[in-house]
Amino acid sequence: MDLGELCKRLRFTIKTNLGETTSIKDFAKKIGLAAPRISELENNKREMSLTELKAYHNFFNVSFEYLLGETNVSSNNEDIQTACKVTGLSEEAIKCIQSKTANCESNDVSTLNAVLTCRWFWSMVFQLSILERDSKQQLDNPCNIDAVFLVKLSTQMGVSSEELALHIENEFRQPDEVEDFPRY
């Protein structure tokens, strides 16, 4: 994404009292920059100055690296930046894990650890990645796997689609009991 598109996307996150996108003029007042300068940035007419970089950084609480296009991680939080870098997971995935585990009881975190260290889980992730690549189907949520995709995955794993569906539902909706997948 280029700088102009990034600046627009950030501005579009600010809504007026009526729920509309904030105009460049109103945004300029809020951030303390001149409206024509913001327009030039959004239209890729020029590069961002250091003053503007700092203003966007402070106003949106995003990292300098994100504003410079060096990373897709917008967070200033070093833990989130490191987790994304080390795991390759998206910022959204890391924040989801962080929010889910922040208020969890210790047995919930233990369950997550058990799932992540379970052989069948990684076998399923590997098979999903192959099927996703082959079928060009994007999986936002393992519980949203369509029937055809489920049959392909279960065939590759050597289990019935009903058994796999039940196992996925149990693991992702009620992670009380974690056990190895019965067969491969």
C-alpha atoms as a PDB file:
ATOM      1  CA  MET A   1       0.000   0.000   0.000  1.00  0.00           C
ATOM      2  CA  ASP A   2       1.385   3.384  -0.913  1.00  0.00           C
ATOM      3  CA  LEU A   3       1.651   6.342   1.461  1.00  0.00           C
ATOM      4  CA  GLY A   4      -1.348   8.171  -0.002  1.00  0.00           C
ATOM      5  CA  GLU A   5      -3.603   5.152   0.418  1.00  0.00           C
ATOM      6  CA  LEU A   6      -2.355   4.638   3.976  1.00  0.00           C
ATOM      7  CA  CYS A   7      -3.057   8.286   4.880  1.00  0.00           C
ATOM      8  CA  LYS A   8      -6.584   8.015   3.458  1.00  0.00           C
ATOM      9  CA  ARG A   9      -7.263   4.749   5.282  1.00  0.00           C
ATOM     10  CA  LEU A  10      -6.147   6.269   8.562  1.00  0.00           C
ATOM     11  CA  ARG A  11      -8.300   9.375   8.046  1.00  0.00           C
ATOM     12  CA  PHE A  12     -11.272   7.190   7.097  1.00  0.00           C
ATOM     13  CA  THR A  13     -11.074   5.525  10.528  1.00  0.00           C
ATOM     14  CA  ILE A  14     -12.169   8.832  12.079  1.00  0.00           C
ATOM     15  CA  LYS A  15     -15.928   9.307  11.928  1.00  0.00           C
ATOM     16  CA  THR A  16     -17.993  12.422  12.522  1.00  0.00           C
ATOM     17  CA  ASN A  17     -20.864  12.540  15.000  1.00  0.00           C
ATOM     18  CA  LEU A  18     -23.117  11.494  12.110  1.00  0.00           C
ATOM     19  CA  GLY A  19     -20.946   8.460  11.353  1.00  0.00           C
ATOM     20  CA  GLU A  20     -19.526   9.949   8.168  1.00  0.00           C
ATOM     21  CA  THR A  21     -15.887   9.982   7.134  1.00  0.00           C
ATOM     22  CA  THR A  22     -14.027  13.019   8.443  1.00  0.00           C
ATOM     23  CA  SER A  23     -13.223  15.564   5.742  1.00  0.00           C
ATOM     24  CA  ILE A  24      -9.657  16.566   5.041  1.00  0.00           C
ATOM     25  CA  LYS A  25     -10.436  20.050   6.371  1.00  0.00           C
ATOM     26  CA  ASP A  26     -11.811  18.728   9.692  1.00  0.00           C
ATOM     27  CA  PHE A  27      -9.021  16.184   9.983  1.00  0.00           C
ATOM     28  CA  ALA A  28      -6.415  18.903   9.381  1.00  0.00           C
ATOM     29  CA  LYS A  29      -7.782  20.853  12.353  1.00  0.00           C
ATOM     30  CA  LYS A  30      -7.677  17.766  14.587  1.00  0.00           C
ATOM     31  CA  ILE A  31      -4.142  16.744  13.656  1.00  0.00           C
ATOM     32  CA  GLY A  32      -2.718  20.270  13.429  1.00  0.00           C
ATOM     33  CA  LEU A  33      -1.628  20.195   9.787  1.00  0.00           C
ATOM     34  CA  ALA A  34      -2.669  22.195   6.738  1.00  0.00           C
ATOM     35  CA  ALA A  35      -5.490  20.650   4.681  1.00  0.00           C
ATOM     36  CA  PRO A  36      -3.710  21.156   1.320  1.00  0.00           C
ATOM     37  CA  ARG A  37      -0.663  19.300   2.677  1.00  0.00           C
ATOM     38  CA  ILE A  38      -2.856  16.358   3.737  1.00  0.00           C
ATOM     39  CA  SER A  39      -4.523  16.335   0.324  1.00  0.00           C
ATOM     40  CA  GLU A  40      -1.108  16.233  -1.347  1.00  0.00           C
ATOM     41  CA  LEU A  41      -0.093  13.299   0.859  1.00  0.00           C
ATOM     42  CA  GLU A  42      -3.297  11.384   0.130  1.00  0.00           C
ATOM     43  CA  ASN A  43      -2.863  11.951  -3.605  1.00  0.00           C
ATOM     44  CA  ASN A  44       0.827  10.934  -3.574  1.00  0.00           C
ATOM     45  CA  LYS A  45       1.921  14.367  -4.732  1.00  0.00           C
ATOM     46  CA  ARG A  46       4.823  14.440  -2.276  1.00  0.00           C
ATOM     47  CA  GLU A  47       6.546  12.589   0.557  1.00  0.00           C
ATOM     48  CA  MET A  48       5.631  12.990   4.219  1.00  0.00           C
ATOM     49  CA  SER A  49       7.737  15.467   6.197  1.00  0.00           C
ATOM     50  CA  LEU A  50       9.172  14.588   9.592  1.00  0.00           C
ATOM     51  CA  THR A  51       6.625  16.910  11.253  1.00  0.00           C
ATOM     52  CA  GLU A  52       3.756  15.163   9.446  1.00  0.00           C
ATOM     53  CA  LEU A  53       5.193  11.738  10.245  1.00  0.00           C
ATOM     54  CA  LYS A  54       5.253  12.631  13.944  1.00  0.00           C
ATOM     55  CA  ALA A  55       1.734  14.093  13.764  1.00  0.00           C
ATOM     56  CA  TYR A  56       0.280  10.905  12.204  1.00  0.00           C
ATOM     57  CA  HIS A  57       2.278   8.739  14.612  1.00  0.00           C
ATOM     58  CA  ASN A  58       0.973  10.608  17.653  1.00  0.00           C
ATOM     59  CA  PHE A  59      -2.593  11.101  16.450  1.00  0.00           C
ATOM     60  CA  PHE A  60      -3.217   7.508  15.335  1.00  0.00           C
ATOM     61  CA  ASN A  61      -0.844   5.847  17.804  1.00  0.00           C
ATOM     62  CA  VAL A  62       0.793   3.826  15.029  1.00  0.00           C
ATOM     63  CA  SER A  63       4.433   2.899  14.620  1.00  0.00           C
ATOM     64  CA  PHE A  64       6.810   4.930  12.498  1.00  0.00           C
ATOM     65  CA  GLU A  65       7.710   1.721  10.647  1.00  0.00           C
ATOM     66  CA  TYR A  66       4.065   1.296   9.665  1.00  0.00           C
ATOM     67  CA  LEU A  67       3.839   4.860   8.370  1.00  0.00           C
ATOM     68  CA  LEU A  68       7.058   4.373   6.399  1.00  0.00           C
ATOM     69  CA  GLY A  69       5.709   1.186   4.812  1.00  0.00           C
ATOM     70  CA  GLU A  70       8.332  -1.027   6.443  1.00  0.00           C
ATOM     71  CA  THR A  71       5.788  -3.255   8.200  1.00  0.00           C
ATOM     72  CA  ASN A  72       2.100  -4.167   8.149  1.00  0.00           C
ATOM     73  CA  VAL A  73       2.008  -3.976  11.949  1.00  0.00           C
ATOM     74  CA  SER A  74       0.566  -0.632  12.982  1.00  0.00           C
ATOM     75  CA  SER A  75       0.837  -1.144  16.735  1.00  0.00           C
ATOM     76  CA  ASN A  76       3.392   0.750  18.815  1.00  0.00           C
ATOM     77  CA  ASN A  77       3.341  -2.130  21.295  1.00  0.00           C
ATOM     78  CA  GLU A  78       6.752  -3.811  21.111  1.00  0.00           C
ATOM     79  CA  ASP A  79       5.344  -7.131  22.339  1.00  0.00           C
ATOM     80  CA  ILE A  80       2.831  -7.206  19.481  1.00  0.00           C
ATOM     81  CA  GLN A  81       5.505  -6.181  16.965  1.00  0.00           C
ATOM     82  CA  THR A  82       7.836  -8.918  18.207  1.00  0.00           C
ATOM     83  CA  ALA A  83       5.090 -11.556  18.296  1.00  0.00           C
ATOM     84  CA  CYS A  84       4.136 -10.748  14.693  1.00  0.00           C
ATOM     85  CA  LYS A  85       7.741 -10.849  13.575  1.00  0.00           C
ATOM     86  CA  VAL A  86       8.590 -14.105  15.375  1.00  0.00           C
ATOM     87  CA  THR A  87       5.400 -16.024  14.566  1.00  0.00           C
ATOM     88  CA  GLY A  88       4.504 -14.553  11.208  1.00  0.00           C
ATOM     89  CA  LEU A  89       0.965 -14.061  12.491  1.00  0.00           C
ATOM     90  CA  SER A  90      -0.956 -10.905  11.656  1.00  0.00           C
ATOM     91  CA  GLU A  91      -1.394  -8.107  14.157  1.00  0.00           C
ATOM     92  CA  GLU A  92      -5.101  -8.952  14.291  1.00  0.00           C
ATOM     93  CA  ALA A  93      -4.334 -12.598  15.153  1.00  0.00           C
ATOM     94  CA  ILE A  94      -1.881 -11.612  17.902  1.00  0.00           C
ATOM     95  CA  LYS A  95      -4.352  -9.111  19.393  1.00  0.00           C
ATOM     96  CA  CYS A  96      -7.081 -11.765  19.267  1.00  0.00           C
ATOM     97  CA  ILE A  97      -4.891 -14.257  21.143  1.00  0.00           C
ATOM     98  CA  GLN A  98      -3.868 -11.532  23.575  1.00  0.00           C
ATOM     99  CA  SER A  99      -7.461 -10.496  24.288  1.00  0.00           C
ATOM    100  CA  LYS A 100      -8.691 -14.079  24.589  1.00  0.00           C
ATOM    101  CA  THR A 101      -5.949 -15.064  27.013  1.00  0.00           C
ATOM    102  CA  ALA A 102      -5.935 -11.834  29.054  1.00  0.00           C
ATOM    103  CA  ASN A 103      -9.126 -12.702  30.904  1.00  0.00           C
ATOM    104  CA  CYS A 104      -8.799 -16.467  30.724  1.00  0.00           C
ATOM    105  CA  GLU A 105      -8.529 -18.764  33.624  1.00  0.00           C
ATOM    106  CA  SER A 106      -5.283 -20.725  33.727  1.00  0.00           C
ATOM    107  CA  ASN A 107      -7.010 -23.872  32.416  1.00  0.00           C
ATOM    108  CA  ASP A 108      -8.118 -21.948  29.282  1.00  0.00           C
ATOM    109  CA  VAL A 109      -4.521 -20.937  28.579  1.00  0.00           C
ATOM    110  CA  SER A 110      -3.464 -24.526  29.263  1.00  0.00           C
ATOM    111  CA  THR A 111      -6.024 -25.676  26.704  1.00  0.00           C
ATOM    112  CA  LEU A 112      -4.655 -23.240  24.139  1.00  0.00           C
ATOM    113  CA  ASN A 113      -1.128 -24.474  24.841  1.00  0.00           C
ATOM    114  CA  ALA A 114      -2.336 -28.066  24.487  1.00  0.00           C
ATOM    115  CA  VAL A 115      -4.040 -27.337  21.152  1.00  0.00           C
ATOM    116  CA  LEU A 116      -0.976 -25.545  19.785  1.00  0.00           C
ATOM    117  CA  THR A 117       1.302 -28.428  20.774  1.00  0.00           C
ATOM    118  CA  CYS A 118      -1.052 -31.128  19.526  1.00  0.00           C
ATOM    119  CA  ARG A 119       0.111 -33.106  16.451  1.00  0.00           C
ATOM    120  CA  TRP A 120      -3.337 -33.282  14.852  1.00  0.00           C
ATOM    121  CA  PHE A 121      -3.737 -29.505  15.068  1.00  0.00           C
ATOM    122  CA  TRP A 122      -0.572 -28.845  13.065  1.00  0.00           C
ATOM    123  CA  SER A 123      -1.427 -31.645  10.658  1.00  0.00           C
ATOM    124  CA  MET A 124      -4.798 -29.971  10.100  1.00  0.00           C
ATOM    125  CA  VAL A 125      -3.161 -26.538   9.657  1.00  0.00           C
ATOM    126  CA  PHE A 126      -0.766 -28.011   7.097  1.00  0.00           C
ATOM    127  CA  GLN A 127      -3.588 -29.713   5.206  1.00  0.00           C
ATOM    128  CA  LEU A 128      -5.698 -26.541   5.330  1.00  0.00           C
ATOM    129  CA  SER A 129      -2.842 -24.505   3.896  1.00  0.00           C
ATOM    130  CA  ILE A 130      -2.460 -26.955   1.005  1.00  0.00           C
ATOM    131  CA  LEU A 131      -6.181 -26.965   0.302  1.00  0.00           C
ATOM    132  CA  GLU A 132      -6.421 -23.201   0.670  1.00  0.00           C
ATOM    133  CA  ARG A 133      -3.582 -22.742  -1.799  1.00  0.00           C
ATOM    134  CA  ASP A 134      -4.985 -25.331  -4.230  1.00  0.00           C
ATOM    135  CA  SER A 135      -8.599 -24.182  -4.085  1.00  0.00           C
ATOM    136  CA  LYS A 136      -7.847 -20.452  -3.683  1.00  0.00           C
ATOM    137  CA  GLN A 137     -10.383 -20.470  -0.825  1.00  0.00           C
ATOM    138  CA  GLN A 138      -9.547 -18.129   2.029  1.00  0.00           C
ATOM    139  CA  LEU A 139     -10.248 -19.332   5.557  1.00  0.00           C
ATOM    140  CA  ASP A 140     -10.994 -16.527   7.973  1.00  0.00           C
ATOM    141  CA  ASN A 141     -12.336 -18.860  10.625  1.00  0.00           C
ATOM    142  CA  PRO A 142     -11.893 -22.644  10.880  1.00  0.00           C
ATOM    143  CA  CYS A 143     -15.565 -22.923  11.845  1.00  0.00           C
ATOM    144  CA  ASN A 144     -16.565 -21.447   8.457  1.00  0.00           C
ATOM    145  CA  ILE A 145     -15.154 -24.302   6.372  1.00  0.00           C
ATOM    146  CA  ASP A 146     -17.635 -25.194   3.637  1.00  0.00           C
ATOM    147  CA  ALA A 147     -18.737 -28.798   3.004  1.00  0.00           C
ATOM    148  CA  VAL A 148     -16.619 -29.408  -0.116  1.00  0.00           C
ATOM    149  CA  PHE A 149     -13.532 -28.076   1.609  1.00  0.00           C
ATOM    150  CA  LEU A 150     -14.251 -30.217   4.682  1.00  0.00           C
ATOM    151  CA  VAL A 151     -14.593 -33.370   2.557  1.00  0.00           C
ATOM    152  CA  LYS A 152     -11.264 -32.637   0.798  1.00  0.00           C
ATOM    153  CA  LEU A 153      -9.518 -32.003   4.111  1.00  0.00           C
ATOM    154  CA  SER A 154     -10.957 -35.095   5.778  1.00  0.00           C
ATOM    155  CA  THR A 155      -9.954 -37.245   2.791  1.00  0.00           C
ATOM    156  CA  GLN A 156      -6.380 -35.954   2.975  1.00  0.00           C
ATOM    157  CA  MET A 157      -6.300 -36.624   6.719  1.00  0.00           C
ATOM    158  CA  GLY A 158      -7.870 -40.091   6.397  1.00  0.00           C
ATOM    159  CA  VAL A 159     -10.927 -39.435   8.557  1.00  0.00           C
ATOM    160  CA  SER A 160     -14.637 -38.985   7.848  1.00  0.00           C
ATOM    161  CA  SER A 161     -15.862 -35.448   7.246  1.00  0.00           C
ATOM    162  CA  GLU A 162     -18.356 -35.861  10.100  1.00  0.00           C
ATOM    163  CA  GLU A 163     -15.580 -36.870  12.498  1.00  0.00           C
ATOM    164  CA  LEU A 164     -13.411 -33.956  11.403  1.00  0.00           C
ATOM    165  CA  ALA A 165     -16.290 -31.464  11.651  1.00  0.00           C
ATOM    166  CA  LEU A 166     -17.102 -32.689  15.147  1.00  0.00           C
ATOM    167  CA  HIS A 167     -13.468 -32.455  16.186  1.00  0.00           C
ATOM    168  CA  ILE A 168     -13.089 -28.928  14.772  1.00  0.00           C
ATOM    169  CA  GLU A 169     -16.288 -27.806  16.486  1.00  0.00           C
ATOM    170  CA  ASN A 170     -15.184 -29.289  19.800  1.00  0.00           C
ATOM    171  CA  GLU A 171     -11.742 -27.719  19.639  1.00  0.00           C
ATOM    172  CA  PHE A 172     -12.690 -24.255  18.457  1.00  0.00           C
ATOM    173  CA  ARG A 173     -15.983 -23.776  20.271  1.00  0.00           C
ATOM    174  CA  GLN A 174     -15.569 -25.790  23.449  1.00  0.00           C
ATOM    175  CA  PRO A 175     -11.851 -26.241  24.083  1.00  0.00           C
ATOM    176  CA  ASP A 176     -12.342 -28.154  27.345  1.00  0.00           C
ATOM    177  CA  GLU A 177     -10.905 -31.471  26.249  1.00  0.00           C
ATOM    178  CA  VAL A 178      -7.873 -31.676  24.038  1.00  0.00           C
ATOM    179  CA  GLU A 179      -6.672 -34.985  22.724  1.00  0.00           C
ATOM    180  CA  ASP A 180      -4.637 -36.171  19.800  1.00  0.00           C
ATOM    181  CA  PHE A 181      -6.556 -36.673  16.589  1.00  0.00           C
ATOM    182  CA  PRO A 182      -7.419 -40.376  16.363  1.00  0.00           C
ATOM    183  CA  ARG A 183      -5.685 -41.132  13.024  1.00  0.00           C
ATOM    184  CA  TYR A 184      -3.976 -39.551  10.055  1.00  0.00           C
END
